[in-house]
Amino acid sequence: MDLNAIGNRIKAERKHLGITQEQLAEMVNVTTHYIYEIERGMKSMSIETLINLSQVLELSLDYIIFGNQRSSLGELYRMLDELSDERRLRAEKVFIQLLPHLK
């Protein structure tokens, strides 16, 4: 497991979301220094902390650990938030029509 790469992915997403290390630490219930050490690749983390980071940052565990496939769900939420209500409803209708073909 490449702790430097894991830390870089966590740091990049934290910055992308505009969250400080202090804020992330509070959200995940760890110390700011621990977040600093994780982002620098100096410390590994417990499963509980990893899951909490995954949920807070809306990243898949697979992406955090291996760098595979960002959580499309988090990205989808961000894109939908940027749409007007009318366009969001249209996107929902398209998705509902498309979903049976994706199963």
PDB file of N, CA and C in Angstrom:
ATOM      1  N   MET A   1       0.852  -1.172   0.000  1.00  0.00           N
ATOM      2  CA  MET A   1       0.000   0.000   0.000  1.00  0.00           C
ATOM      3  C   MET A   1       0.897   1.235   0.000  1.00  0.00           C
ATOM      4  N   ASP A   2       0.647   2.146  -0.913  1.00  0.00           N
ATOM      5  CA  ASP A   2       1.451   3.347  -1.068  1.00  0.00           C
ATOM      6  C   ASP A   2       0.832   4.487  -0.248  1.00  0.00           C
ATOM      7  N   LEU A   3       1.363   4.690   0.963  1.00  0.00           N
ATOM      8  CA  LEU A   3       0.804   5.705   1.864  1.00  0.00           C
ATOM      9  C   LEU A   3       0.945   7.120   1.303  1.00  0.00           C
ATOM     10  N   ASN A   4       2.019   7.373   0.553  1.00  0.00           N
ATOM     11  CA  ASN A   4       2.179   8.700  -0.050  1.00  0.00           C
ATOM     12  C   ASN A   4       1.072   8.978  -1.067  1.00  0.00           C
ATOM     13  N   ALA A   5       0.780   7.999  -1.902  1.00  0.00           N
ATOM     14  CA  ALA A   5      -0.266   8.167  -2.915  1.00  0.00           C
ATOM     15  C   ALA A   5      -1.634   8.329  -2.248  1.00  0.00           C
ATOM     16  N   ILE A   6      -1.889   7.541  -1.210  1.00  0.00           N
ATOM     17  CA  ILE A   6      -3.156   7.652  -0.479  1.00  0.00           C
ATOM     18  C   ILE A   6      -3.286   9.054   0.110  1.00  0.00           C
ATOM     19  N   GLY A   7      -2.236   9.507   0.749  1.00  0.00           N
ATOM     20  CA  GLY A   7      -2.251  10.844   1.340  1.00  0.00           C
ATOM     21  C   GLY A   7      -2.460  11.932   0.310  1.00  0.00           C
ATOM     22  N   ASN A   8      -1.826  11.773  -0.846  1.00  0.00           N
ATOM     23  CA  ASN A   8      -1.984  12.767  -1.918  1.00  0.00           C
ATOM     24  C   ASN A   8      -3.412  12.820  -2.432  1.00  0.00           C
ATOM     25  N   ARG A   9      -4.054  11.647  -2.564  1.00  0.00           N
ATOM     26  CA  ARG A   9      -5.451  11.627  -3.036  1.00  0.00           C
ATOM     27  C   ARG A   9      -6.377  12.291  -2.012  1.00  0.00           C
ATOM     28  N   ILE A  10      -6.151  12.003  -0.741  1.00  0.00           N
ATOM     29  CA  ILE A  10      -6.970  12.604   0.314  1.00  0.00           C
ATOM     30  C   ILE A  10      -6.771  14.116   0.334  1.00  0.00           C
ATOM     31  N   LYS A  11      -5.529  14.545   0.271  1.00  0.00           N
ATOM     32  CA  LYS A  11      -5.222  15.979   0.291  1.00  0.00           C
ATOM     33  C   LYS A  11      -5.835  16.695  -0.912  1.00  0.00           C
ATOM     34  N   ALA A  12      -5.694  16.086  -2.095  1.00  0.00           N
ATOM     35  CA  ALA A  12      -6.230  16.706  -3.311  1.00  0.00           C
ATOM     36  C   ALA A  12      -7.738  16.893  -3.218  1.00  0.00           C
ATOM     37  N   GLU A  13      -8.447  15.883  -2.723  1.00  0.00           N
ATOM     38  CA  GLU A  13      -9.904  16.000  -2.625  1.00  0.00           C
ATOM     39  C   GLU A  13     -10.300  16.995  -1.543  1.00  0.00           C
ATOM     40  N   ARG A  14      -9.575  17.001  -0.442  1.00  0.00           N
ATOM     41  CA  ARG A  14      -9.854  17.971   0.632  1.00  0.00           C
ATOM     42  C   ARG A  14      -9.725  19.383   0.082  1.00  0.00           C
ATOM     43  N   LYS A  15      -8.655  19.637  -0.652  1.00  0.00           N
ATOM     44  CA  LYS A  15      -8.454  20.967  -1.231  1.00  0.00           C
ATOM     45  C   LYS A  15      -9.519  21.281  -2.278  1.00  0.00           C
ATOM     46  N   HIS A  16      -9.866  20.277  -3.084  1.00  0.00           N
ATOM     47  CA  HIS A  16     -10.908  20.453  -4.108  1.00  0.00           C
ATOM     48  C   HIS A  16     -12.228  20.887  -3.463  1.00  0.00           C
ATOM     49  N   LEU A  17     -12.520  20.337  -2.295  1.00  0.00           N
ATOM     50  CA  LEU A  17     -13.754  20.667  -1.589  1.00  0.00           C
ATOM     51  C   LEU A  17     -13.638  21.949  -0.770  1.00  0.00           C
ATOM     52  N   GLY A  18     -12.434  22.496  -0.692  1.00  0.00           N
ATOM     53  CA  GLY A  18     -12.232  23.732   0.070  1.00  0.00           C
ATOM     54  C   GLY A  18     -12.296  23.520   1.572  1.00  0.00           C
ATOM     55  N   ILE A  19     -11.864  22.358   2.023  1.00  0.00           N
ATOM     56  CA  ILE A  19     -11.888  22.012   3.446  1.00  0.00           C
ATOM     57  C   ILE A  19     -10.476  22.114   3.994  1.00  0.00           C
ATOM     58  N   THR A  20     -10.320  22.724   5.148  1.00  0.00           N
ATOM     59  CA  THR A  20      -9.010  22.786   5.790  1.00  0.00           C
ATOM     60  C   THR A  20      -8.717  21.472   6.495  1.00  0.00           C
ATOM     61  N   GLN A  21      -7.454  21.268   6.852  1.00  0.00           N
ATOM     62  CA  GLN A  21      -7.100  20.077   7.625  1.00  0.00           C
ATOM     63  C   GLN A  21      -7.841  20.070   8.957  1.00  0.00           C
ATOM     64  N   GLU A  22      -7.999  21.230   9.552  1.00  0.00           N
ATOM     65  CA  GLU A  22      -8.700  21.326  10.826  1.00  0.00           C
ATOM     66  C   GLU A  22     -10.160  20.904  10.691  1.00  0.00           C
ATOM     67  N   GLN A  23     -10.801  21.376   9.636  1.00  0.00           N
ATOM     68  CA  GLN A  23     -12.201  21.020   9.400  1.00  0.00           C
ATOM     69  C   GLN A  23     -12.353  19.527   9.128  1.00  0.00           C
ATOM     70  N   LEU A  24     -11.465  18.988   8.302  1.00  0.00           N
ATOM     71  CA  LEU A  24     -11.531  17.558   7.994  1.00  0.00           C
ATOM     72  C   LEU A  24     -11.308  16.730   9.249  1.00  0.00           C
ATOM     73  N   ALA A  25     -10.343  17.128  10.053  1.00  0.00           N
ATOM     74  CA  ALA A  25     -10.069  16.407  11.302  1.00  0.00           C
ATOM     75  C   ALA A  25     -11.304  16.373  12.188  1.00  0.00           C
ATOM     76  N   GLU A  26     -11.983  17.500  12.281  1.00  0.00           N
ATOM     77  CA  GLU A  26     -13.191  17.574  13.105  1.00  0.00           C
ATOM     78  C   GLU A  26     -14.294  16.675  12.537  1.00  0.00           C
ATOM     79  N   MET A  27     -14.446  16.682  11.231  1.00  0.00           N
ATOM     80  CA  MET A  27     -15.484  15.875  10.588  1.00  0.00           C
ATOM     81  C   MET A  27     -15.232  14.374  10.751  1.00  0.00           C
ATOM     82  N   VAL A  28     -13.954  13.995  10.804  1.00  0.00           N
ATOM     83  CA  VAL A  28     -13.581  12.588  10.878  1.00  0.00           C
ATOM     84  C   VAL A  28     -13.305  12.158  12.322  1.00  0.00           C
ATOM     85  N   ASN A  29     -13.286  13.134  13.219  1.00  0.00           N
ATOM     86  CA  ASN A  29     -13.068  12.881  14.648  1.00  0.00           C
ATOM     87  C   ASN A  29     -11.653  12.369  14.951  1.00  0.00           C
ATOM     88  N   VAL A  30     -10.667  13.051  14.348  1.00  0.00           N
ATOM     89  CA  VAL A  30      -9.253  12.797  14.630  1.00  0.00           C
ATOM     90  C   VAL A  30      -8.571  14.154  14.833  1.00  0.00           C
ATOM     91  N   THR A  31      -7.292  14.141  15.148  1.00  0.00           N
ATOM     92  CA  THR A  31      -6.580  15.404  15.346  1.00  0.00           C
ATOM     93  C   THR A  31      -6.114  15.971  14.004  1.00  0.00           C
ATOM     94  N   THR A  32      -5.892  17.272  13.998  1.00  0.00           N
ATOM     95  CA  THR A  32      -5.374  17.928  12.803  1.00  0.00           C
ATOM     96  C   THR A  32      -4.007  17.364  12.449  1.00  0.00           C
ATOM     97  N   HIS A  33      -3.191  17.115  13.459  1.00  0.00           N
ATOM     98  CA  HIS A  33      -1.857  16.572  13.211  1.00  0.00           C
ATOM     99  C   HIS A  33      -1.932  15.193  12.549  1.00  0.00           C
ATOM    100  N   TYR A  34      -2.923  14.407  12.921  1.00  0.00           N
ATOM    101  CA  TYR A  34      -3.101  13.085  12.316  1.00  0.00           C
ATOM    102  C   TYR A  34      -3.441  13.217  10.830  1.00  0.00           C
ATOM    103  N   ILE A  35      -4.317  14.178  10.487  1.00  0.00           N
ATOM    104  CA  ILE A  35      -4.644  14.430   9.077  1.00  0.00           C
ATOM    105  C   ILE A  35      -3.379  14.839   8.337  1.00  0.00           C
ATOM    106  N   TYR A  36      -2.595  15.717   8.950  1.00  0.00           N
ATOM    107  CA  TYR A  36      -1.324  16.145   8.365  1.00  0.00           C
ATOM    108  C   TYR A  36      -0.443  14.929   8.074  1.00  0.00           C
ATOM    109  N   GLU A  37      -0.317  14.028   9.030  1.00  0.00           N
ATOM    110  CA  GLU A  37       0.526  12.842   8.862  1.00  0.00           C
ATOM    111  C   GLU A  37      -0.019  11.895   7.790  1.00  0.00           C
ATOM    112  N   ILE A  38      -1.336  11.757   7.721  1.00  0.00           N
ATOM    113  CA  ILE A  38      -1.947  10.919   6.680  1.00  0.00           C
ATOM    114  C   ILE A  38      -1.652  11.507   5.309  1.00  0.00           C
ATOM    115  N   GLU A  39      -1.875  12.813   5.158  1.00  0.00           N
ATOM    116  CA  GLU A  39      -1.664  13.458   3.866  1.00  0.00           C
ATOM    117  C   GLU A  39      -0.198  13.422   3.429  1.00  0.00           C
ATOM    118  N   ARG A  40       0.708  13.396   4.353  1.00  0.00           N
ATOM    119  CA  ARG A  40       2.147  13.324   4.044  1.00  0.00           C
ATOM    120  C   ARG A  40       2.625  11.893   3.837  1.00  0.00           C
ATOM    121  N   GLY A  41       1.737  10.907   4.037  1.00  0.00           N
ATOM    122  CA  GLY A  41       2.115   9.516   3.872  1.00  0.00           C
ATOM    123  C   GLY A  41       2.940   8.976   5.022  1.00  0.00           C
ATOM    124  N   MET A  42       2.868   9.649   6.161  1.00  0.00           N
ATOM    125  CA  MET A  42       3.662   9.273   7.328  1.00  0.00           C
ATOM    126  C   MET A  42       2.948   8.263   8.219  1.00  0.00           C
ATOM    127  N   LYS A  43       1.624   8.197   8.115  1.00  0.00           N
ATOM    128  CA  LYS A  43       0.829   7.314   8.981  1.00  0.00           C
ATOM    129  C   LYS A  43      -0.193   6.552   8.157  1.00  0.00           C
ATOM    130  N   SER A  44      -0.421   5.323   8.561  1.00  0.00           N
ATOM    131  CA  SER A  44      -1.552   4.584   8.013  1.00  0.00           C
ATOM    132  C   SER A  44      -2.743   4.907   8.912  1.00  0.00           C
ATOM    133  N   MET A  45      -3.896   4.374   8.591  1.00  0.00           N
ATOM    134  CA  MET A  45      -5.073   4.700   9.397  1.00  0.00           C
ATOM    135  C   MET A  45      -5.900   3.457   9.651  1.00  0.00           C
ATOM    136  N   SER A  46      -6.744   3.552  10.647  1.00  0.00           N
ATOM    137  CA  SER A  46      -7.641   2.445  10.958  1.00  0.00           C
ATOM    138  C   SER A  46      -8.718   2.351   9.887  1.00  0.00           C
ATOM    139  N   ILE A  47      -9.369   1.214   9.828  1.00  0.00           N
ATOM    140  CA  ILE A  47     -10.485   1.027   8.896  1.00  0.00           C
ATOM    141  C   ILE A  47     -11.565   2.065   9.172  1.00  0.00           C
ATOM    142  N   GLU A  48     -11.835   2.326  10.448  1.00  0.00           N
ATOM    143  CA  GLU A  48     -12.862   3.300  10.816  1.00  0.00           C
ATOM    144  C   GLU A  48     -12.521   4.682  10.267  1.00  0.00           C
ATOM    145  N   THR A  49     -11.284   5.115  10.424  1.00  0.00           N
ATOM    146  CA  THR A  49     -10.877   6.424   9.913  1.00  0.00           C
ATOM    147  C   THR A  49     -10.944   6.448   8.396  1.00  0.00           C
ATOM    148  N   LEU A  50     -10.506   5.374   7.757  1.00  0.00           N
ATOM    149  CA  LEU A  50     -10.558   5.289   6.303  1.00  0.00           C
ATOM    150  C   LEU A  50     -11.992   5.401   5.796  1.00  0.00           C
ATOM    151  N   ILE A  51     -12.903   4.709   6.434  1.00  0.00           N
ATOM    152  CA  ILE A  51     -14.317   4.775   6.045  1.00  0.00           C
ATOM    153  C   ILE A  51     -14.871   6.169   6.270  1.00  0.00           C
ATOM    154  N   ASN A  52     -14.546   6.773   7.405  1.00  0.00           N
ATOM    155  CA  ASN A  52     -15.018   8.138   7.686  1.00  0.00           C
ATOM    156  C   ASN A  52     -14.505   9.117   6.639  1.00  0.00           C
ATOM    157  N   LEU A  53     -13.235   9.002   6.278  1.00  0.00           N
ATOM    158  CA  LEU A  53     -12.676   9.876   5.236  1.00  0.00           C
ATOM    159  C   LEU A  53     -13.388   9.652   3.912  1.00  0.00           C
ATOM    160  N   SER A  54     -13.649   8.404   3.589  1.00  0.00           N
ATOM    161  CA  SER A  54     -14.345   8.066   2.355  1.00  0.00           C
ATOM    162  C   SER A  54     -15.717   8.726   2.303  1.00  0.00           C
ATOM    163  N   GLN A  55     -16.433   8.676   3.411  1.00  0.00           N
ATOM    164  CA  GLN A  55     -17.772   9.257   3.463  1.00  0.00           C
ATOM    165  C   GLN A  55     -17.731  10.777   3.421  1.00  0.00           C
ATOM    166  N   VAL A  56     -16.855  11.374   4.193  1.00  0.00           N
ATOM    167  CA  VAL A  56     -16.771  12.841   4.252  1.00  0.00           C
ATOM    168  C   VAL A  56     -16.330  13.415   2.907  1.00  0.00           C
ATOM    169  N   LEU A  57     -15.343  12.779   2.287  1.00  0.00           N
ATOM    170  CA  LEU A  57     -14.809  13.287   1.023  1.00  0.00           C
ATOM    171  C   LEU A  57     -15.578  12.767  -0.195  1.00  0.00           C
ATOM    172  N   GLU A  58     -16.551  11.864   0.041  1.00  0.00           N
ATOM    173  CA  GLU A  58     -17.344  11.257  -1.020  1.00  0.00           C
ATOM    174  C   GLU A  58     -16.450  10.600  -2.068  1.00  0.00           C
ATOM    175  N   LEU A  59     -15.483   9.818  -1.586  1.00  0.00           N
ATOM    176  CA  LEU A  59     -14.593   9.060  -2.448  1.00  0.00           C
ATOM    177  C   LEU A  59     -14.766   7.582  -2.153  1.00  0.00           C
ATOM    178  N   SER A  60     -14.627   6.758  -3.166  1.00  0.00           N
ATOM    179  CA  SER A  60     -14.706   5.324  -2.925  1.00  0.00           C
ATOM    180  C   SER A  60     -13.447   4.862  -2.208  1.00  0.00           C
ATOM    181  N   LEU A  61     -13.588   3.785  -1.442  1.00  0.00           N
ATOM    182  CA  LEU A  61     -12.422   3.207  -0.774  1.00  0.00           C
ATOM    183  C   LEU A  61     -11.415   2.743  -1.816  1.00  0.00           C
ATOM    184  N   ASP A  62     -11.901   2.206  -2.921  1.00  0.00           N
ATOM    185  CA  ASP A  62     -11.036   1.743  -3.997  1.00  0.00           C
ATOM    186  C   ASP A  62     -10.171   2.889  -4.523  1.00  0.00           C
ATOM    187  N   TYR A  63     -10.773   4.054  -4.674  1.00  0.00           N
ATOM    188  CA  TYR A  63     -10.013   5.202  -5.166  1.00  0.00           C
ATOM    189  C   TYR A  63      -8.988   5.658  -4.129  1.00  0.00           C
ATOM    190  N   ILE A  64      -9.403   5.766  -2.884  1.00  0.00           N
ATOM    191  CA  ILE A  64      -8.467   6.224  -1.849  1.00  0.00           C
ATOM    192  C   ILE A  64      -7.272   5.284  -1.754  1.00  0.00           C
ATOM    193  N   ILE A  65      -7.520   3.991  -1.706  1.00  0.00           N
ATOM    194  CA  ILE A  65      -6.445   3.022  -1.486  1.00  0.00           C
ATOM    195  C   ILE A  65      -5.622   2.775  -2.745  1.00  0.00           C
ATOM    196  N   PHE A  66      -6.278   2.554  -3.866  1.00  0.00           N
ATOM    197  CA  PHE A  66      -5.572   2.126  -5.070  1.00  0.00           C
ATOM    198  C   PHE A  66      -5.516   3.169  -6.186  1.00  0.00           C
ATOM    199  N   GLY A  67      -6.305   4.236  -6.063  1.00  0.00           N
ATOM    200  CA  GLY A  67      -6.322   5.244  -7.108  1.00  0.00           C
ATOM    201  C   GLY A  67      -7.203   4.875  -8.278  1.00  0.00           C
ATOM    202  N   ASN A  68      -8.007   3.834  -8.105  1.00  0.00           N
ATOM    203  CA  ASN A  68      -8.891   3.373  -9.175  1.00  0.00           C
ATOM    204  C   ASN A  68     -10.229   4.084  -9.098  1.00  0.00           C
ATOM    205  N   GLN A  69     -10.645   4.625 -10.193  1.00  0.00           N
ATOM    206  CA  GLN A  69     -12.010   5.094 -10.368  1.00  0.00           C
ATOM    207  C   GLN A  69     -12.531   5.947  -9.218  1.00  0.00           C
ATOM    208  N   ARG A  70     -12.479   7.252  -9.412  1.00  0.00           N
ATOM    209  CA  ARG A  70     -13.051   8.171  -8.434  1.00  0.00           C
ATOM    210  C   ARG A  70     -14.509   7.823  -8.211  1.00  0.00           C
ATOM    211  N   SER A  71     -15.012   8.153  -7.061  1.00  0.00           N
ATOM    212  CA  SER A  71     -16.416   7.919  -6.759  1.00  0.00           C
ATOM    213  C   SER A  71     -17.267   8.771  -7.678  1.00  0.00           C
ATOM    214  N   SER A  72     -17.907   8.146  -8.634  1.00  0.00           N
ATOM    215  CA  SER A  72     -18.723   8.893  -9.578  1.00  0.00           C
ATOM    216  C   SER A  72     -19.952   9.471  -8.893  1.00  0.00           C
ATOM    217  N   LEU A  73     -20.363   8.881  -7.788  1.00  0.00           N
ATOM    218  CA  LEU A  73     -21.526   9.383  -7.078  1.00  0.00           C
ATOM    219  C   LEU A  73     -21.279  10.781  -6.537  1.00  0.00           C
ATOM    220  N   GLY A  74     -20.129  10.998  -5.920  1.00  0.00           N
ATOM    221  CA  GLY A  74     -19.787  12.327  -5.413  1.00  0.00           C
ATOM    222  C   GLY A  74     -19.717  13.349  -6.532  1.00  0.00           C
ATOM    223  N   GLU A  75     -19.111  12.954  -7.646  1.00  0.00           N
ATOM    224  CA  GLU A  75     -19.020  13.847  -8.797  1.00  0.00           C
ATOM    225  C   GLU A  75     -20.407  14.136  -9.366  1.00  0.00           C
ATOM    226  N   LEU A  76     -21.238  13.113  -9.408  1.00  0.00           N
ATOM    227  CA  LEU A  76     -22.599  13.280  -9.914  1.00  0.00           C
ATOM    228  C   LEU A  76     -23.369  14.281  -9.051  1.00  0.00           C
ATOM    229  N   TYR A  77     -23.261  14.150  -7.733  1.00  0.00           N
ATOM    230  CA  TYR A  77     -23.926  15.105  -6.829  1.00  0.00           C
ATOM    231  C   TYR A  77     -23.451  16.526  -7.091  1.00  0.00           C
ATOM    232  N   ARG A  78     -22.155  16.692  -7.274  1.00  0.00           N
ATOM    233  CA  ARG A  78     -21.620  18.036  -7.517  1.00  0.00           C
ATOM    234  C   ARG A  78     -22.167  18.614  -8.818  1.00  0.00           C
ATOM    235  N   MET A  79     -22.214  17.776  -9.865  1.00  0.00           N
ATOM    236  CA  MET A  79     -22.722  18.255 -11.150  1.00  0.00           C
ATOM    237  C   MET A  79     -24.207  18.606 -11.048  1.00  0.00           C
ATOM    238  N   LEU A  80     -24.979  17.767 -10.369  1.00  0.00           N
ATOM    239  CA  LEU A  80     -26.412  18.033 -10.232  1.00  0.00           C
ATOM    240  C   LEU A  80     -26.679  19.300  -9.431  1.00  0.00           C
ATOM    241  N   ASP A  81     -25.858  19.561  -8.428  1.00  0.00           N
ATOM    242  CA  ASP A  81     -26.026  20.767  -7.621  1.00  0.00           C
ATOM    243  C   ASP A  81     -25.859  22.038  -8.451  1.00  0.00           C
ATOM    244  N   GLU A  82     -25.080  21.942  -9.512  1.00  0.00           N
ATOM    245  CA  GLU A  82     -24.821  23.112 -10.347  1.00  0.00           C
ATOM    246  C   GLU A  82     -25.938  23.391 -11.349  1.00  0.00           C
ATOM    247  N   LEU A  83     -26.862  22.441 -11.515  1.00  0.00           N
ATOM    248  CA  LEU A  83     -27.954  22.602 -12.476  1.00  0.00           C
ATOM    249  C   LEU A  83     -29.119  23.377 -11.878  1.00  0.00           C
ATOM    250  N   SER A  84     -29.868  24.034 -12.740  1.00  0.00           N
ATOM    251  CA  SER A  84     -31.111  24.664 -12.298  1.00  0.00           C
ATOM    252  C   SER A  84     -32.103  23.559 -11.949  1.00  0.00           C
ATOM    253  N   ASP A  85     -33.164  23.912 -11.236  1.00  0.00           N
ATOM    254  CA  ASP A  85     -34.173  22.915 -10.863  1.00  0.00           C
ATOM    255  C   ASP A  85     -34.768  22.234 -12.098  1.00  0.00           C
ATOM    256  N   GLU A  86     -35.029  23.026 -13.120  1.00  0.00           N
ATOM    257  CA  GLU A  86     -35.623  22.482 -14.347  1.00  0.00           C
ATOM    258  C   GLU A  86     -34.686  21.472 -15.017  1.00  0.00           C
ATOM    259  N   ARG A  87     -33.426  21.823 -15.125  1.00  0.00           N
ATOM    260  CA  ARG A  87     -32.451  20.912 -15.749  1.00  0.00           C
ATOM    261  C   ARG A  87     -32.203  19.680 -14.887  1.00  0.00           C
ATOM    262  N   ARG A  88     -32.261  19.844 -13.578  1.00  0.00           N
ATOM    263  CA  ARG A  88     -32.091  18.698 -12.674  1.00  0.00           C
ATOM    264  C   ARG A  88     -33.225  17.699 -12.874  1.00  0.00           C
ATOM    265  N   LEU A  89     -34.458  18.198 -13.036  1.00  0.00           N
ATOM    266  CA  LEU A  89     -35.598  17.319 -13.293  1.00  0.00           C
ATOM    267  C   LEU A  89     -35.454  16.593 -14.627  1.00  0.00           C
ATOM    268  N   ARG A  90     -34.947  17.302 -15.644  1.00  0.00           N
ATOM    269  CA  ARG A  90     -34.709  16.672 -16.938  1.00  0.00           C
ATOM    270  C   ARG A  90     -33.664  15.562 -16.827  1.00  0.00           C
ATOM    271  N   ALA A  91     -32.599  15.859 -16.082  1.00  0.00           N
ATOM    272  CA  ALA A  91     -31.538  14.864 -15.888  1.00  0.00           C
ATOM    273  C   ALA A  91     -32.078  13.640 -15.162  1.00  0.00           C
ATOM    274  N   GLU A  92     -32.958  13.880 -14.197  1.00  0.00           N
ATOM    275  CA  GLU A  92     -33.568  12.761 -13.456  1.00  0.00           C
ATOM    276  C   GLU A  92     -34.386  11.888 -14.399  1.00  0.00           C
ATOM    277  N   LYS A  93     -35.165  12.512 -15.290  1.00  0.00           N
ATOM    278  CA  LYS A  93     -35.978  11.751 -16.238  1.00  0.00           C
ATOM    279  C   LYS A  93     -35.107  10.940 -17.186  1.00  0.00           C
ATOM    280  N   VAL A  94     -34.011  11.522 -17.647  1.00  0.00           N
ATOM    281  CA  VAL A  94     -33.089  10.808 -18.530  1.00  0.00           C
ATOM    282  C   VAL A  94     -32.488   9.619 -17.789  1.00  0.00           C
ATOM    283  N   PHE A  95     -32.075   9.826 -16.562  1.00  0.00           N
ATOM    284  CA  PHE A  95     -31.478   8.763 -15.768  1.00  0.00           C
ATOM    285  C   PHE A  95     -32.466   7.619 -15.545  1.00  0.00           C
ATOM    286  N   ILE A  96     -33.708   7.960 -15.242  1.00  0.00           N
ATOM    287  CA  ILE A  96     -34.733   6.938 -15.028  1.00  0.00           C
ATOM    288  C   ILE A  96     -34.930   6.101 -16.290  1.00  0.00           C
ATOM    289  N   GLN A  97     -34.890   6.734 -17.457  1.00  0.00           N
ATOM    290  CA  GLN A  97     -35.032   6.015 -18.712  1.00  0.00           C
ATOM    291  C   GLN A  97     -33.801   5.154 -19.023  1.00  0.00           C
ATOM    292  N   LEU A  98     -32.635   5.624 -18.620  1.00  0.00           N
ATOM    293  CA  LEU A  98     -31.380   4.940 -18.911  1.00  0.00           C
ATOM    294  C   LEU A  98     -31.106   3.786 -17.950  1.00  0.00           C
ATOM    295  N   LEU A  99     -31.537   3.901 -16.726  1.00  0.00           N
ATOM    296  CA  LEU A  99     -31.194   2.930 -15.678  1.00  0.00           C
ATOM    297  C   LEU A  99     -31.495   1.478 -16.045  1.00  0.00           C
ATOM    298  N   PRO A 100     -32.653   1.151 -16.614  1.00  0.00           N
ATOM    299  CA  PRO A 100     -32.906  -0.263 -16.962  1.00  0.00           C
ATOM    300  C   PRO A 100     -31.880  -0.836 -17.937  1.00  0.00           C
ATOM    301  N   HIS A 101     -31.292  -0.004 -18.758  1.00  0.00           N
ATOM    302  CA  HIS A 101     -30.327  -0.462 -19.758  1.00  0.00           C
ATOM    303  C   HIS A 101     -28.933  -0.648 -19.157  1.00  0.00           C
ATOM    304  N   LEU A 102     -28.725  -0.165 -17.954  1.00  0.00           N
ATOM    305  CA  LEU A 102     -27.418  -0.270 -17.303  1.00  0.00           C
ATOM    306  C   LEU A 102     -27.316  -1.498 -16.421  1.00  0.00           C
ATOM    307  N   LYS A 103     -28.442  -2.138 -16.138  1.00  0.00           N
ATOM    308  CA  LYS A 103     -28.446  -3.298 -15.229  1.00  0.00           C
ATOM    309  C   LYS A 103     -27.975  -4.553 -15.903  1.00  0.00           C
TER     310      LYS A 103
END
